Amino acid sequence: MMTVIESAIAATPDIAGAYMPGLRALGAYSKKIILTDPCEGSVDIDAAVAKKYPAANRWDYAIGYKSKIHFVEVHSANTSEVSVVLKKLQWLKDWLNEHAPEMNRHKGNPSFTWVQSGNFKILKSSPQYRLAEQKKFLPVKTLYLN
């Protein structure tokens, strides 16, 4: 029997066939995700859709956990990158609504998480920090799901 994420990926033409067991789609970044139960699978959205949307600010990953899908962007946490990550988030939301309704239907809580790839370097006095804070979308060092 297919997991929720596996069937959602299969039902999404842009990424069909890109399912990977466990957190394999995240490669070395899988260490930034802490789970209390086994992961049901993952997909590298960015790699799967790169040819179709070459100029877009594409989102990185989706992971299946406890029959929900969590969307994870691993990106540097620099002041200059806040706008880029927010564009990626908007791209993902649009893509989910237009091209991946099955994945959209199974969003977990948290649905969208920015995981910092390195150190936190967003100036807390900057407008970018205030914007990310206002949108409740500041990066985390590690994503913990239980």
N, C-alpha and C. Protein backbone atom coordinates (compact mmCIF):
# COMPACT_ATOMS: atom_id res chain seq x y z
N MET A 1 0.83 -1.18 0.00
CA MET A 1 0.00 0.00 0.00
C MET A 1 0.88 1.25 0.00
N MET A 2 0.51 2.23 -0.83
CA MET A 2 1.29 3.46 -0.94
C MET A 2 1.00 4.40 0.22
N THR A 3 2.02 5.14 0.63
CA THR A 3 1.84 6.15 1.67
C THR A 3 1.13 7.37 1.06
N VAL A 4 0.68 8.27 1.93
CA VAL A 4 0.02 9.49 1.47
C VAL A 4 0.93 10.27 0.53
N ILE A 5 2.19 10.46 0.92
CA ILE A 5 3.08 11.24 0.07
C ILE A 5 3.38 10.52 -1.25
N GLU A 6 3.52 9.23 -1.18
CA GLU A 6 3.80 8.45 -2.39
C GLU A 6 2.65 8.58 -3.39
N SER A 7 1.42 8.45 -2.91
CA SER A 7 0.27 8.56 -3.82
C SER A 7 0.08 10.00 -4.29
N ALA A 8 0.37 10.99 -3.43
CA ALA A 8 0.25 12.39 -3.84
C ALA A 8 1.28 12.74 -4.91
N ILE A 9 2.49 12.23 -4.77
CA ILE A 9 3.52 12.45 -5.78
C ILE A 9 3.11 11.79 -7.10
N ALA A 10 2.61 10.57 -7.03
CA ALA A 10 2.18 9.85 -8.23
C ALA A 10 1.05 10.59 -8.94
N ALA A 11 0.21 11.30 -8.19
CA ALA A 11 -0.93 12.03 -8.75
C ALA A 11 -0.55 13.43 -9.24
N THR A 12 0.73 13.79 -9.14
CA THR A 12 1.19 15.13 -9.53
C THR A 12 2.14 14.99 -10.71
N PRO A 13 1.65 15.25 -11.94
CA PRO A 13 2.49 15.03 -13.13
C PRO A 13 3.87 15.68 -13.09
N ASP A 14 3.99 16.88 -12.52
CA ASP A 14 5.30 17.57 -12.48
C ASP A 14 6.36 16.78 -11.73
N ILE A 15 5.96 15.97 -10.76
CA ILE A 15 6.95 15.27 -9.92
C ILE A 15 6.74 13.76 -9.89
N ALA A 16 5.80 13.26 -10.68
CA ALA A 16 5.53 11.82 -10.70
C ALA A 16 6.84 11.07 -10.98
N GLY A 17 7.10 10.05 -10.21
CA GLY A 17 8.32 9.26 -10.37
C GLY A 17 9.50 9.77 -9.56
N ALA A 18 9.33 10.87 -8.82
CA ALA A 18 10.45 11.45 -8.06
C ALA A 18 10.42 11.05 -6.59
N TYR A 19 9.50 10.18 -6.20
CA TYR A 19 9.42 9.72 -4.80
C TYR A 19 10.71 9.03 -4.39
N MET A 20 11.13 9.28 -3.14
CA MET A 20 12.28 8.58 -2.58
C MET A 20 11.91 8.10 -1.18
N PRO A 21 12.33 6.90 -0.80
CA PRO A 21 12.02 6.42 0.55
C PRO A 21 12.73 7.24 1.62
N GLY A 22 12.10 7.30 2.79
CA GLY A 22 12.70 8.02 3.91
C GLY A 22 13.00 9.47 3.56
N LEU A 23 14.09 9.96 4.10
CA LEU A 23 14.51 11.35 3.84
C LEU A 23 15.57 11.43 2.75
N ARG A 24 15.67 10.41 1.91
CA ARG A 24 16.74 10.36 0.92
C ARG A 24 16.76 11.54 -0.03
N ALA A 25 15.60 12.12 -0.34
CA ALA A 25 15.56 13.26 -1.27
C ALA A 25 16.34 14.45 -0.73
N LEU A 26 16.49 14.53 0.58
CA LEU A 26 17.18 15.67 1.20
C LEU A 26 18.69 15.50 1.25
N GLY A 27 19.18 14.33 0.92
CA GLY A 27 20.62 14.10 0.95
C GLY A 27 21.22 14.42 2.31
N ALA A 28 22.31 15.18 2.31
CA ALA A 28 23.00 15.54 3.57
C ALA A 28 22.12 16.40 4.48
N TYR A 29 21.15 17.11 3.89
CA TYR A 29 20.27 17.95 4.71
C TYR A 29 19.29 17.14 5.56
N SER A 30 19.23 15.84 5.34
CA SER A 30 18.32 15.01 6.14
C SER A 30 18.66 15.08 7.63
N LYS A 31 19.89 15.44 7.94
CA LYS A 31 20.30 15.57 9.35
C LYS A 31 19.63 16.76 10.04
N LYS A 32 19.05 17.65 9.26
CA LYS A 32 18.38 18.83 9.81
C LYS A 32 16.93 18.56 10.16
N ILE A 33 16.48 17.32 9.92
CA ILE A 33 15.10 16.92 10.21
C ILE A 33 15.15 15.85 11.30
N ILE A 34 14.47 16.09 12.42
CA ILE A 34 14.43 15.14 13.53
C ILE A 34 12.99 14.62 13.64
N LEU A 35 12.84 13.31 13.51
CA LEU A 35 11.53 12.66 13.55
C LEU A 35 11.49 11.66 14.69
N THR A 36 10.31 11.52 15.32
CA THR A 36 10.17 10.52 16.38
C THR A 36 9.69 9.18 15.83
N ASP A 37 9.19 9.18 14.59
CA ASP A 37 8.75 7.97 13.90
C ASP A 37 9.36 7.97 12.51
N PRO A 38 9.30 6.84 11.81
CA PRO A 38 9.90 6.78 10.47
C PRO A 38 9.23 7.74 9.48
N CYS A 39 10.04 8.27 8.59
CA CYS A 39 9.57 9.12 7.50
C CYS A 39 8.91 8.22 6.46
N GLU A 40 7.81 8.69 5.87
CA GLU A 40 7.08 7.90 4.88
C GLU A 40 7.58 8.14 3.46
N GLY A 41 8.55 9.02 3.30
CA GLY A 41 9.10 9.28 1.98
C GLY A 41 9.31 10.76 1.77
N SER A 42 9.98 11.10 0.68
CA SER A 42 10.31 12.49 0.40
C SER A 42 10.45 12.70 -1.09
N VAL A 43 10.49 13.96 -1.49
CA VAL A 43 10.69 14.32 -2.89
C VAL A 43 11.48 15.62 -2.96
N ASP A 44 12.40 15.68 -3.89
CA ASP A 44 13.14 16.90 -4.17
C ASP A 44 12.35 17.63 -5.25
N ILE A 45 11.45 18.52 -4.82
CA ILE A 45 10.59 19.24 -5.76
C ILE A 45 11.44 20.05 -6.72
N ASP A 46 12.42 20.75 -6.19
CA ASP A 46 13.28 21.62 -7.00
C ASP A 46 13.89 20.85 -8.17
N ALA A 47 14.51 19.72 -7.88
CA ALA A 47 15.16 18.94 -8.93
C ALA A 47 14.14 18.39 -9.94
N ALA A 48 12.98 17.99 -9.44
CA ALA A 48 11.97 17.37 -10.30
C ALA A 48 11.33 18.37 -11.28
N VAL A 49 11.25 19.64 -10.89
CA VAL A 49 10.56 20.62 -11.74
C VAL A 49 11.50 21.64 -12.39
N ALA A 50 12.80 21.48 -12.20
CA ALA A 50 13.77 22.47 -12.68
C ALA A 50 13.66 22.74 -14.18
N LYS A 51 13.46 21.71 -14.98
CA LYS A 51 13.39 21.91 -16.44
C LYS A 51 12.10 22.60 -16.85
N LYS A 52 11.01 22.32 -16.13
CA LYS A 52 9.72 22.92 -16.48
C LYS A 52 9.63 24.38 -16.04
N TYR A 53 10.26 24.72 -14.92
CA TYR A 53 10.22 26.08 -14.36
C TYR A 53 11.65 26.59 -14.14
N PRO A 54 12.44 26.74 -15.20
CA PRO A 54 13.86 27.06 -15.01
C PRO A 54 14.15 28.42 -14.38
N ALA A 55 13.30 29.40 -14.57
CA ALA A 55 13.56 30.74 -14.05
C ALA A 55 12.87 31.01 -12.72
N ALA A 56 12.11 30.05 -12.23
CA ALA A 56 11.34 30.26 -11.00
C ALA A 56 12.20 30.10 -9.75
N ASN A 57 11.76 30.74 -8.68
CA ASN A 57 12.33 30.51 -7.35
C ASN A 57 11.61 29.29 -6.79
N ARG A 58 12.14 28.11 -7.06
CA ARG A 58 11.47 26.85 -6.74
C ARG A 58 11.74 26.42 -5.30
N TRP A 59 10.75 25.77 -4.72
CA TRP A 59 10.84 25.20 -3.37
C TRP A 59 11.67 23.93 -3.41
N ASP A 60 12.29 23.58 -2.27
CA ASP A 60 13.17 22.41 -2.24
C ASP A 60 12.46 21.07 -2.07
N TYR A 61 11.88 20.80 -0.90
CA TYR A 61 11.49 19.43 -0.57
C TYR A 61 10.09 19.30 0.02
N ALA A 62 9.58 18.09 -0.08
CA ALA A 62 8.38 17.70 0.66
C ALA A 62 8.71 16.37 1.33
N ILE A 63 8.25 16.22 2.57
CA ILE A 63 8.45 14.95 3.27
C ILE A 63 7.11 14.47 3.81
N GLY A 64 6.95 13.16 3.81
CA GLY A 64 5.75 12.55 4.36
C GLY A 64 6.01 12.06 5.76
N TYR A 65 5.13 12.43 6.67
CA TYR A 65 5.30 12.03 8.06
C TYR A 65 3.93 11.92 8.71
N LYS A 66 3.63 10.75 9.24
CA LYS A 66 2.35 10.47 9.91
C LYS A 66 1.16 10.88 9.04
N SER A 67 1.21 10.46 7.78
CA SER A 67 0.14 10.69 6.80
C SER A 67 -0.12 12.15 6.48
N LYS A 68 0.87 13.00 6.72
CA LYS A 68 0.80 14.41 6.36
C LYS A 68 2.03 14.75 5.53
N ILE A 69 1.93 15.84 4.77
CA ILE A 69 3.05 16.27 3.95
C ILE A 69 3.54 17.62 4.48
N HIS A 70 4.85 17.68 4.72
CA HIS A 70 5.50 18.88 5.23
C HIS A 70 6.46 19.38 4.15
N PHE A 71 6.44 20.67 3.90
CA PHE A 71 7.26 21.27 2.86
C PHE A 71 8.42 22.01 3.50
N VAL A 72 9.64 21.67 3.08
CA VAL A 72 10.85 22.15 3.73
C VAL A 72 11.75 22.83 2.70
N GLU A 73 12.16 24.04 3.02
CA GLU A 73 13.12 24.78 2.21
C GLU A 73 14.40 24.91 3.03
N VAL A 74 15.49 24.31 2.55
CA VAL A 74 16.78 24.44 3.21
C VAL A 74 17.53 25.53 2.45
N HIS A 75 17.78 26.64 3.15
CA HIS A 75 18.33 27.82 2.48
C HIS A 75 19.13 28.64 3.48
N SER A 76 20.09 29.39 2.97
CA SER A 76 20.88 30.23 3.86
C SER A 76 19.99 31.27 4.55
N ALA A 77 20.31 31.55 5.79
CA ALA A 77 19.54 32.50 6.60
C ALA A 77 20.29 33.82 6.67
N ASN A 78 20.41 34.47 5.52
CA ASN A 78 21.07 35.77 5.42
C ASN A 78 20.02 36.84 5.17
N THR A 79 20.32 38.04 5.60
CA THR A 79 19.39 39.16 5.40
C THR A 79 18.98 39.27 3.94
N SER A 80 19.94 39.16 3.03
CA SER A 80 19.67 39.33 1.60
C SER A 80 18.84 38.18 1.01
N GLU A 81 18.70 37.08 1.72
CA GLU A 81 17.98 35.92 1.19
C GLU A 81 16.53 35.83 1.63
N VAL A 82 16.09 36.69 2.53
CA VAL A 82 14.71 36.63 3.03
C VAL A 82 13.72 36.76 1.87
N SER A 83 13.93 37.75 1.00
CA SER A 83 13.00 37.95 -0.12
C SER A 83 12.99 36.75 -1.06
N VAL A 84 14.14 36.12 -1.25
CA VAL A 84 14.22 34.94 -2.12
C VAL A 84 13.38 33.80 -1.54
N VAL A 85 13.53 33.55 -0.25
CA VAL A 85 12.78 32.45 0.38
C VAL A 85 11.28 32.75 0.37
N LEU A 86 10.91 34.00 0.58
CA LEU A 86 9.49 34.35 0.52
C LEU A 86 8.93 34.17 -0.89
N LYS A 87 9.74 34.44 -1.91
CA LYS A 87 9.32 34.18 -3.30
C LYS A 87 9.16 32.67 -3.53
N LYS A 88 10.06 31.87 -2.96
CA LYS A 88 9.97 30.41 -3.06
C LYS A 88 8.68 29.91 -2.40
N LEU A 89 8.35 30.48 -1.26
CA LEU A 89 7.13 30.09 -0.56
C LEU A 89 5.90 30.42 -1.41
N GLN A 90 5.88 31.61 -2.01
CA GLN A 90 4.75 31.97 -2.86
C GLN A 90 4.68 31.07 -4.08
N TRP A 91 5.84 30.75 -4.68
CA TRP A 91 5.87 29.83 -5.81
C TRP A 91 5.25 28.50 -5.40
N LEU A 92 5.67 27.97 -4.24
CA LEU A 92 5.16 26.68 -3.79
C LEU A 92 3.65 26.73 -3.60
N LYS A 93 3.16 27.74 -2.93
CA LYS A 93 1.71 27.83 -2.70
C LYS A 93 0.95 27.88 -4.02
N ASP A 94 1.44 28.66 -4.97
CA ASP A 94 0.80 28.73 -6.30
C ASP A 94 0.86 27.38 -7.00
N TRP A 95 2.04 26.74 -6.93
CA TRP A 95 2.22 25.44 -7.59
C TRP A 95 1.31 24.38 -6.96
N LEU A 96 1.20 24.38 -5.64
CA LEU A 96 0.32 23.42 -4.97
C LEU A 96 -1.13 23.62 -5.41
N ASN A 97 -1.58 24.86 -5.47
CA ASN A 97 -2.95 25.16 -5.87
C ASN A 97 -3.23 24.79 -7.32
N GLU A 98 -2.27 25.07 -8.20
CA GLU A 98 -2.49 24.89 -9.63
C GLU A 98 -2.09 23.51 -10.16
N HIS A 99 -1.04 22.93 -9.61
CA HIS A 99 -0.48 21.71 -10.21
C HIS A 99 -0.40 20.51 -9.27
N ALA A 100 -0.60 20.72 -7.98
CA ALA A 100 -0.42 19.62 -7.03
C ALA A 100 -1.52 19.60 -5.97
N PRO A 101 -2.79 19.56 -6.38
CA PRO A 101 -3.87 19.62 -5.40
C PRO A 101 -3.87 18.46 -4.41
N GLU A 102 -3.41 17.30 -4.83
CA GLU A 102 -3.37 16.14 -3.94
C GLU A 102 -2.34 16.35 -2.83
N MET A 103 -1.23 16.95 -3.17
CA MET A 103 -0.21 17.25 -2.15
C MET A 103 -0.73 18.36 -1.23
N ASN A 104 -1.39 19.34 -1.80
CA ASN A 104 -1.92 20.46 -1.04
C ASN A 104 -2.95 20.00 -0.02
N ARG A 105 -3.71 18.99 -0.38
CA ARG A 105 -4.79 18.48 0.48
C ARG A 105 -4.28 17.81 1.75
N HIS A 106 -3.04 17.35 1.73
CA HIS A 106 -2.49 16.58 2.86
C HIS A 106 -1.44 17.34 3.66
N LYS A 107 -1.49 18.67 3.62
CA LYS A 107 -0.49 19.46 4.34
C LYS A 107 -0.53 19.16 5.84
N GLY A 108 0.65 19.08 6.42
CA GLY A 108 0.78 18.87 7.86
C GLY A 108 0.89 20.19 8.59
N ASN A 109 1.12 20.11 9.86
CA ASN A 109 1.34 21.30 10.67
C ASN A 109 2.64 21.09 11.44
N PRO A 110 3.72 21.82 11.18
CA PRO A 110 3.76 22.96 10.26
C PRO A 110 3.76 22.50 8.80
N SER A 111 3.15 23.31 7.94
CA SER A 111 3.11 22.97 6.53
C SER A 111 4.39 23.38 5.82
N PHE A 112 4.84 24.60 6.08
CA PHE A 112 5.97 25.17 5.36
C PHE A 112 7.04 25.60 6.37
N THR A 113 8.26 25.11 6.18
CA THR A 113 9.34 25.43 7.12
C THR A 113 10.60 25.80 6.36
N TRP A 114 11.19 26.91 6.77
CA TRP A 114 12.49 27.33 6.27
C TRP A 114 13.51 26.84 7.27
N VAL A 115 14.37 25.93 6.83
CA VAL A 115 15.45 25.40 7.67
C VAL A 115 16.75 26.05 7.19
N GLN A 116 17.43 26.70 8.10
CA GLN A 116 18.66 27.39 7.71
C GLN A 116 19.75 26.38 7.37
N SER A 117 20.45 26.64 6.26
CA SER A 117 21.51 25.73 5.83
C SER A 117 22.81 25.94 6.59
N GLY A 118 22.98 27.12 7.16
CA GLY A 118 24.19 27.43 7.93
C GLY A 118 23.80 28.22 9.16
N ASN A 119 24.63 29.19 9.50
CA ASN A 119 24.35 30.04 10.66
C ASN A 119 23.28 31.07 10.36
N PHE A 120 22.61 31.53 11.40
CA PHE A 120 21.59 32.57 11.29
C PHE A 120 22.30 33.91 11.13
N LYS A 121 22.09 34.57 9.98
CA LYS A 121 22.76 35.85 9.71
C LYS A 121 21.77 36.89 9.19
N ILE A 122 20.56 36.88 9.73
CA ILE A 122 19.58 37.91 9.36
C ILE A 122 19.63 38.97 10.46
N LEU A 123 19.95 40.17 10.08
CA LEU A 123 20.06 41.25 11.06
C LEU A 123 18.69 41.51 11.69
N LYS A 124 18.63 41.39 13.00
CA LYS A 124 17.34 41.53 13.69
C LYS A 124 16.80 42.95 13.61
N SER A 125 17.62 43.92 13.28
CA SER A 125 17.16 45.30 13.14
C SER A 125 16.74 45.63 11.70
N SER A 126 16.83 44.65 10.81
CA SER A 126 16.56 44.90 9.39
C SER A 126 15.08 44.80 9.03
N PRO A 127 14.68 45.49 7.96
CA PRO A 127 13.31 45.36 7.47
C PRO A 127 13.01 43.92 7.03
N GLN A 128 14.02 43.22 6.54
CA GLN A 128 13.83 41.84 6.10
C GLN A 128 13.47 40.94 7.27
N TYR A 129 14.13 41.14 8.40
CA TYR A 129 13.80 40.35 9.60
C TYR A 129 12.37 40.64 10.02
N ARG A 130 12.01 41.92 10.05
CA ARG A 130 10.65 42.29 10.45
C ARG A 130 9.61 41.70 9.50
N LEU A 131 9.93 41.67 8.20
CA LEU A 131 9.00 41.09 7.22
C LEU A 131 8.83 39.59 7.45
N ALA A 132 9.94 38.88 7.64
CA ALA A 132 9.86 37.44 7.90
C ALA A 132 9.12 37.16 9.20
N GLU A 133 9.35 37.99 10.20
CA GLU A 133 8.68 37.83 11.49
C GLU A 133 7.17 38.11 11.34
N GLN A 134 6.84 39.14 10.59
CA GLN A 134 5.43 39.49 10.36
C GLN A 134 4.71 38.34 9.63
N LYS A 135 5.40 37.71 8.69
CA LYS A 135 4.81 36.60 7.93
C LYS A 135 4.92 35.27 8.69
N LYS A 136 5.47 35.34 9.91
CA LYS A 136 5.67 34.15 10.74
C LYS A 136 6.45 33.08 9.95
N PHE A 137 7.54 33.54 9.34
CA PHE A 137 8.34 32.65 8.51
C PHE A 137 9.83 32.90 8.69
N LEU A 138 10.27 32.80 9.93
CA LEU A 138 11.70 32.88 10.24
C LEU A 138 12.31 31.48 10.14
N PRO A 139 13.57 31.39 9.77
CA PRO A 139 14.20 30.07 9.66
C PRO A 139 14.42 29.40 11.02
N VAL A 140 14.47 28.09 10.99
CA VAL A 140 14.81 27.30 12.17
C VAL A 140 16.09 26.54 11.87
N LYS A 141 16.83 26.22 12.92
CA LYS A 141 18.08 25.48 12.75
C LYS A 141 17.81 24.02 12.37
N THR A 142 16.79 23.46 13.00
CA THR A 142 16.41 22.06 12.80
C THR A 142 14.89 21.96 12.84
N LEU A 143 14.33 21.11 12.01
CA LEU A 143 12.88 20.87 12.04
C LEU A 143 12.62 19.62 12.88
N TYR A 144 11.86 19.78 13.93
CA TYR A 144 11.47 18.66 14.81
C TYR A 144 10.01 18.33 14.55
N LEU A 145 9.75 17.09 14.16
CA LEU A 145 8.38 16.62 13.98
C LEU A 145 8.14 15.46 14.94
N ASN A 146 7.02 15.48 15.64
CA ASN A 146 6.72 14.36 16.54
C ASN A 146 5.29 13.92 16.38
